[in-house]
Amino acid sequence: MNKNQILSELGDIPETVYDELVSEAFEQSGRQLVELRQFVSAGQSRKAVSVAHSMKGCFANLRLNEVSHAASALEAALKNGAQSEEIDARVSELSVLLRLQG
């Protein structure tokens, strides 16, 4: 989906406002990934799920579906008690997408 479609879908918000929201989302996601990794390491899966869920929703609201889907996959892995290798792979996938699109 291109930016004009996204802006139209979001009610024709000004492009500068959208760009600022996207920039803030990517900034915040860096901090959230650090926090999520800490929760996973400490065995605090409920808190890690909450962070992944928040990221999923944020990027879905911005119509950045690829990032949202990666956060959703991470959230599902955490909820389902996936092995640490799968969780690490999901975190890495999300991390790469955030760097590529940020």
Protein backbone atom coordinates (compact mmCIF):
# COMPACT_ATOMS: atom_id res chain seq x y z
CA MET A 1 0.00 0.00 0.00
CA ASN A 2 1.43 3.37 -0.92
CA LYS A 3 1.43 6.39 1.33
CA ASN A 4 -1.44 8.14 -0.48
CA GLN A 5 -3.65 5.08 0.02
CA ILE A 6 -2.68 4.93 3.68
CA LEU A 7 -3.41 8.63 4.20
CA SER A 8 -6.76 8.26 2.48
CA GLU A 9 -7.62 5.20 4.54
CA LEU A 10 -6.71 7.06 7.72
CA GLY A 11 -9.06 9.91 6.90
CA ASP A 12 -6.76 12.12 4.86
CA ILE A 13 -4.55 13.17 7.75
CA PRO A 14 -1.74 15.50 6.69
CA GLU A 15 1.32 13.71 5.40
CA THR A 16 3.56 15.56 7.87
CA VAL A 17 1.47 14.28 10.78
CA TYR A 18 1.62 10.72 9.45
CA ASP A 19 5.38 10.96 8.91
CA GLU A 20 5.84 12.19 12.48
CA LEU A 21 3.73 9.32 13.85
CA VAL A 22 5.72 6.79 11.85
CA SER A 23 9.00 8.29 13.00
CA GLU A 24 7.89 8.16 16.63
CA ALA A 25 6.68 4.57 16.22
CA PHE A 26 10.05 3.44 14.92
CA GLU A 27 11.86 5.33 17.66
CA GLN A 28 9.67 3.76 20.32
CA SER A 29 10.01 0.30 18.80
CA GLY A 30 13.75 0.31 19.42
CA ARG A 31 13.14 0.82 23.12
CA GLN A 32 10.36 -1.75 23.09
CA LEU A 33 12.60 -4.40 21.55
CA VAL A 34 15.15 -3.88 24.32
CA GLU A 35 12.40 -4.14 26.91
CA LEU A 36 10.90 -7.21 25.24
CA ARG A 37 14.28 -8.99 25.19
CA GLN A 38 14.70 -8.23 28.89
CA PHE A 39 11.28 -9.67 29.69
CA VAL A 40 12.00 -12.81 27.67
CA SER A 41 15.37 -13.27 29.39
CA ALA A 42 13.73 -12.84 32.81
CA GLY A 43 10.99 -15.35 31.97
CA GLN A 44 8.31 -12.66 32.13
CA SER A 45 6.34 -13.88 29.14
CA ARG A 46 3.12 -12.00 29.97
CA LYS A 47 4.99 -8.70 29.92
CA ALA A 48 6.76 -9.70 26.69
CA VAL A 49 3.40 -10.58 25.11
CA SER A 50 2.06 -7.18 26.13
CA VAL A 51 4.96 -5.38 24.45
CA ALA A 52 4.62 -7.43 21.26
CA HIS A 53 0.87 -6.79 21.25
CA SER A 54 1.42 -3.06 21.61
CA MET A 55 3.88 -3.04 18.71
CA LYS A 56 1.48 -5.06 16.56
CA GLY A 57 -1.33 -2.60 17.17
CA CYS A 58 0.78 0.49 16.67
CA PHE A 59 2.06 -0.60 13.27
CA ALA A 60 -1.36 -1.92 12.22
CA ASN A 61 -2.85 1.50 13.00
CA LEU A 62 -0.20 3.08 10.79
CA ARG A 63 -0.99 0.51 8.07
CA LEU A 64 2.60 -0.78 8.15
CA ASN A 65 1.36 -4.31 7.76
CA GLU A 66 4.65 -6.14 7.30
CA VAL A 67 5.94 -4.89 10.64
CA SER A 68 2.58 -5.49 12.31
CA HIS A 69 2.48 -9.08 11.03
CA ALA A 70 5.99 -9.74 12.34
CA ALA A 71 4.99 -8.39 15.76
CA SER A 72 1.85 -10.53 15.62
CA ALA A 73 3.90 -13.64 14.88
CA LEU A 74 6.16 -12.82 17.82
CA GLU A 75 3.15 -12.28 20.07
CA ALA A 76 1.69 -15.64 19.02
CA ALA A 77 5.00 -17.43 19.62
CA LEU A 78 5.23 -15.93 23.10
CA LYS A 79 1.61 -16.79 23.92
CA ASN A 80 2.07 -20.36 22.72
CA GLY A 81 5.18 -20.94 24.82
CA ALA A 82 7.50 -21.34 21.85
CA GLN A 83 11.07 -22.45 22.38
CA SER A 84 13.66 -19.73 22.82
CA GLU A 85 15.09 -20.38 19.34
CA GLU A 86 11.76 -19.54 17.70
CA ILE A 87 11.28 -16.48 19.87
CA ASP A 88 14.81 -15.30 19.07
CA ALA A 89 14.09 -15.80 15.35
CA ARG A 90 10.84 -13.80 15.60
CA VAL A 91 12.58 -10.99 17.49
CA SER A 92 15.36 -10.93 14.88
CA GLU A 93 12.83 -10.83 12.03
CA LEU A 94 11.04 -7.90 13.64
CA SER A 95 14.32 -6.17 14.34
CA VAL A 96 15.40 -6.45 10.70
CA LEU A 97 12.08 -5.08 9.44
CA LEU A 98 12.32 -2.13 11.81
CA ARG A 99 15.81 -1.30 10.54
CA LEU A 100 14.81 -1.68 6.89
CA GLN A 101 11.68 0.40 7.10
CA GLY A 102 12.68 2.85 9.81
